[in-house]
Amino acid sequence: MAKQHSEPELDRELADLPPALRWREWMRRIEAVLFASASPVTHTDLARVVGKDASVDLLIEDLAAELEGRAFEVAKAAGGWMMRTRFAYAPAIRVAADAGDQQLDLNEFDFAVLAAIAYHQPITRDGLKDIFGKEVNRDLIGRLHARDLIGTGPRSPQRGAPYTFVTTEQFLIAFDLESLRDLPDKEQLLDAGLSVENAEAG
């Protein structure tokens, strides 16, 4: 008889430990999970490694406080938490690890198209043409896809059922957003010298 696949055995409650050591062990488990994950980890997933009455939010707060003054931090992004290097150390990482090709490397018009997709998603290529008054270059769309900033959304309910574009979880991470609700409003964009509606290609 074949073995059924099940979750590995994990003592979540740690009842044999004194309260202070139990809390510290739960913090370490959360730290390990966040450190090992390449994408944000949800509250639900973190709750699976601690006691049923433990507060994931308080554990995260304590972990964040413990990491003060360190080169990395706990950050909330895309509906979960992740470990990331503090911004102040980005130049050192680029020099030592030759991480230059990990940068977004987008020009102003690329950002304008990405913003249009973020604010109007799901949006078709014709929808982008209506905003910018011209066809958006396929190479530009390809660059945004290659950086995993946009993905293919549902087909539009119009003649020919064209594909739409939507932003991705990587978009949220790249721009330090917890969700699309955290996008700046259009007045803030205008104050920053950007306009989704009136951008022009260079």
Protein backbone atom coordinates (compact mmCIF):
# COMPACT_ATOMS: atom_id res chain seq x y z
CA MET A 1 0.00 0.00 0.00
CA ALA A 2 1.42 3.36 -1.06
CA LYS A 3 2.20 5.96 1.59
CA GLN A 4 -0.08 8.96 1.60
CA HIS A 5 1.70 12.29 1.22
CA SER A 6 1.37 14.38 4.38
CA GLU A 7 2.95 17.42 5.94
CA PRO A 8 6.18 16.79 7.82
CA GLU A 9 5.76 16.33 11.57
CA LEU A 10 6.18 19.65 13.37
CA ASP A 11 5.56 20.38 17.01
CA ARG A 12 3.75 23.69 16.62
CA GLU A 13 2.77 24.19 20.25
CA LEU A 14 6.19 23.54 21.89
CA ALA A 15 4.41 22.96 25.19
CA ASP A 16 7.58 21.58 26.83
CA LEU A 17 9.37 24.96 26.50
CA PRO A 18 8.99 27.89 28.90
CA PRO A 19 6.92 30.76 27.37
CA ALA A 20 9.91 33.01 26.58
CA LEU A 21 11.84 30.25 24.79
CA ARG A 22 8.68 29.11 22.98
CA TRP A 23 8.14 32.66 21.64
CA ARG A 24 11.77 32.91 20.54
CA GLU A 25 11.56 29.56 18.72
CA TRP A 26 8.41 30.69 16.91
CA MET A 27 10.21 33.89 15.87
CA ARG A 28 13.13 31.84 14.54
CA ARG A 29 10.77 29.62 12.56
CA ILE A 30 9.15 32.66 10.94
CA GLU A 31 12.59 34.12 10.21
CA ALA A 32 13.71 30.84 8.60
CA VAL A 33 10.59 30.58 6.44
CA LEU A 34 10.89 34.20 5.25
CA PHE A 35 14.62 33.83 4.61
CA ALA A 36 14.11 30.67 2.54
CA SER A 37 11.22 32.01 0.44
CA ALA A 38 11.80 33.85 -2.85
CA SER A 39 8.33 35.45 -2.69
CA PRO A 40 6.17 36.97 0.05
CA VAL A 41 4.79 34.47 2.58
CA THR A 42 1.17 34.87 3.66
CA HIS A 43 -0.19 35.09 7.20
CA THR A 44 -1.88 31.71 6.69
CA ASP A 45 1.37 29.97 5.74
CA LEU A 46 3.28 31.51 8.65
CA ALA A 47 0.54 30.44 11.06
CA ARG A 48 1.25 26.82 10.08
CA VAL A 49 4.66 26.87 11.84
CA VAL A 50 3.62 28.40 15.19
CA GLY A 51 1.18 27.50 17.96
CA LYS A 52 -2.53 27.85 17.28
CA ASP A 53 -2.88 30.72 19.78
CA ALA A 54 0.32 32.53 18.73
CA SER A 55 -0.05 35.94 17.08
CA VAL A 56 1.81 35.98 13.77
CA ASP A 57 1.53 39.78 13.68
CA LEU A 58 3.19 40.19 17.09
CA LEU A 59 5.89 37.66 16.19
CA ILE A 60 6.62 39.62 13.01
CA GLU A 61 6.78 42.87 15.02
CA ASP A 62 9.26 41.34 17.47
CA LEU A 63 11.35 39.91 14.64
CA ALA A 64 11.39 43.30 12.88
CA ALA A 65 12.51 44.99 16.12
CA GLU A 66 15.28 42.42 16.58
CA LEU A 67 16.55 43.11 13.05
CA GLU A 68 16.89 46.87 13.69
CA GLY A 69 20.42 47.92 12.81
CA ARG A 70 20.98 44.85 10.63
CA ALA A 71 21.50 44.92 6.86
CA PHE A 72 18.17 43.23 6.16
CA GLU A 73 14.59 43.71 7.32
CA VAL A 74 11.12 42.17 7.29
CA ALA A 75 8.95 43.90 4.70
CA LYS A 76 5.27 43.60 3.88
CA ALA A 77 4.64 43.12 0.16
CA ALA A 78 2.02 41.59 -2.12
CA GLY A 79 -0.21 40.45 0.74
CA GLY A 80 2.54 38.74 2.73
CA TRP A 81 5.95 39.26 4.31
CA MET A 82 9.46 38.80 2.97
CA MET A 83 13.08 39.37 4.01
CA ARG A 84 14.94 41.96 1.99
CA THR A 85 18.16 43.92 2.12
CA ARG A 86 17.80 47.48 3.35
CA PHE A 87 17.91 50.08 0.59
CA ALA A 88 21.07 51.69 2.02
CA TYR A 89 23.06 48.56 1.09
CA ALA A 90 21.92 48.30 -2.55
CA PRO A 91 25.10 49.98 -3.93
CA ALA A 92 27.35 47.56 -2.03
CA ILE A 93 25.42 44.56 -3.35
CA ARG A 94 25.61 45.83 -6.95
CA VAL A 95 29.38 46.30 -6.70
CA ALA A 96 30.13 42.98 -5.01
CA ALA A 97 27.60 40.73 -6.71
CA ASP A 98 27.41 42.38 -10.13
CA ALA A 99 23.64 42.57 -9.68
CA GLY A 100 23.17 45.35 -12.24
CA ASP A 101 21.02 43.22 -14.53
CA GLN A 102 18.52 42.76 -11.68
CA GLN A 103 17.59 46.45 -11.88
CA LEU A 104 14.42 47.41 -13.73
CA ASP A 105 16.30 49.44 -16.37
CA LEU A 106 13.12 51.09 -17.71
CA ASN A 107 12.86 54.50 -19.34
CA GLU A 108 10.18 57.12 -18.62
CA PHE A 109 7.81 55.88 -21.32
CA ASP A 110 8.23 52.27 -20.13
CA PHE A 111 7.19 53.41 -16.65
CA ALA A 112 4.23 55.32 -18.13
CA VAL A 113 3.00 52.18 -19.93
CA LEU A 114 3.49 50.11 -16.78
CA ALA A 115 1.52 52.71 -14.81
CA ALA A 116 -1.27 52.68 -17.41
CA ILE A 117 -1.52 48.90 -17.10
CA ALA A 118 -1.52 49.12 -13.29
CA TYR A 119 -4.29 51.73 -13.19
CA HIS A 120 -6.48 50.38 -16.01
CA GLN A 121 -6.01 46.59 -15.75
CA PRO A 122 -7.09 44.39 -17.29
CA ILE A 123 -6.32 46.42 -20.40
CA THR A 124 -5.89 45.44 -24.05
CA ARG A 125 -3.28 46.68 -26.52
CA ASP A 126 -6.06 48.83 -28.09
CA GLY A 127 -6.79 50.26 -24.64
CA LEU A 128 -3.15 51.30 -24.33
CA LYS A 129 -3.32 52.82 -27.81
CA ASP A 130 -6.33 54.90 -26.74
CA ILE A 131 -4.36 56.23 -23.75
CA PHE A 132 -1.12 57.03 -25.59
CA GLY A 133 -2.53 57.91 -29.01
CA LYS A 134 -0.27 55.37 -30.72
CA GLU A 135 0.56 51.66 -30.74
CA VAL A 136 2.65 50.54 -27.79
CA ASN A 137 5.75 48.78 -29.10
CA ARG A 138 5.68 44.97 -28.76
CA ASP A 139 9.32 45.03 -27.60
CA LEU A 140 8.33 47.25 -24.68
CA ILE A 141 5.55 44.84 -23.68
CA GLY A 142 8.09 42.02 -24.04
CA ARG A 143 10.53 43.80 -21.68
CA LEU A 144 7.82 44.24 -19.06
CA HIS A 145 6.88 40.56 -19.44
CA ALA A 146 10.53 39.47 -19.23
CA ARG A 147 10.96 41.32 -15.93
CA ASP A 148 7.75 39.64 -14.70
CA LEU A 149 6.16 43.04 -14.05
CA ILE A 150 3.11 42.24 -16.19
CA GLY A 151 1.33 39.07 -17.18
CA THR A 152 -1.51 38.01 -19.46
CA GLY A 153 -4.95 38.69 -18.07
CA PRO A 154 -8.38 37.41 -19.13
CA ARG A 155 -9.48 37.79 -22.71
CA SER A 156 -11.47 40.96 -23.30
CA PRO A 157 -15.22 40.46 -23.93
CA GLN A 158 -15.09 42.18 -27.31
CA ARG A 159 -14.77 41.13 -30.93
CA GLY A 160 -11.77 38.85 -31.39
CA ALA A 161 -11.47 38.39 -27.61
CA PRO A 162 -8.01 40.00 -27.40
CA TYR A 163 -5.73 39.23 -24.48
CA THR A 164 -5.39 41.79 -21.72
CA PHE A 165 -2.41 42.84 -19.61
CA VAL A 166 -2.30 42.86 -15.80
CA THR A 167 0.40 43.52 -13.23
CA THR A 168 2.00 40.69 -11.26
CA GLU A 169 3.12 39.94 -7.72
CA GLN A 170 6.65 40.88 -8.83
CA PHE A 171 5.31 44.33 -9.77
CA LEU A 172 4.08 44.80 -6.19
CA ILE A 173 7.43 43.65 -4.80
CA ALA A 174 9.48 45.83 -7.18
CA PHE A 175 7.54 48.96 -6.21
CA ASP A 176 7.23 48.09 -2.51
CA LEU A 177 3.43 47.83 -2.58
CA GLU A 178 1.36 45.59 -0.37
CA SER A 179 -1.52 45.63 -2.86
CA LEU A 180 -2.80 47.66 -5.83
CA ARG A 181 -4.75 49.79 -3.33
CA ASP A 182 -1.36 51.28 -2.38
CA LEU A 183 -0.83 52.80 -5.84
CA PRO A 184 -0.53 56.59 -5.64
CA ASP A 185 -3.62 58.43 -6.82
CA LYS A 186 -3.47 60.33 -10.12
CA GLU A 187 -2.97 63.70 -8.39
CA GLN A 188 0.16 62.33 -6.70
CA LEU A 189 1.41 61.17 -10.11
CA LEU A 190 0.85 64.63 -11.58
CA ASP A 191 2.66 66.23 -8.61
CA ALA A 192 5.60 63.93 -9.36
CA GLY A 193 5.61 65.04 -13.02
CA LEU A 194 4.02 61.83 -14.36
CA SER A 195 0.72 61.43 -16.17
CA VAL A 196 -0.71 58.08 -17.15
CA GLU A 197 -3.11 59.72 -19.58
CA ASN A 198 -0.75 62.11 -21.38
CA ALA A 199 2.59 60.31 -21.51
CA GLU A 200 4.49 60.52 -24.79
CA ALA A 201 7.16 58.28 -26.16
CA GLY A 202 10.63 59.71 -26.28
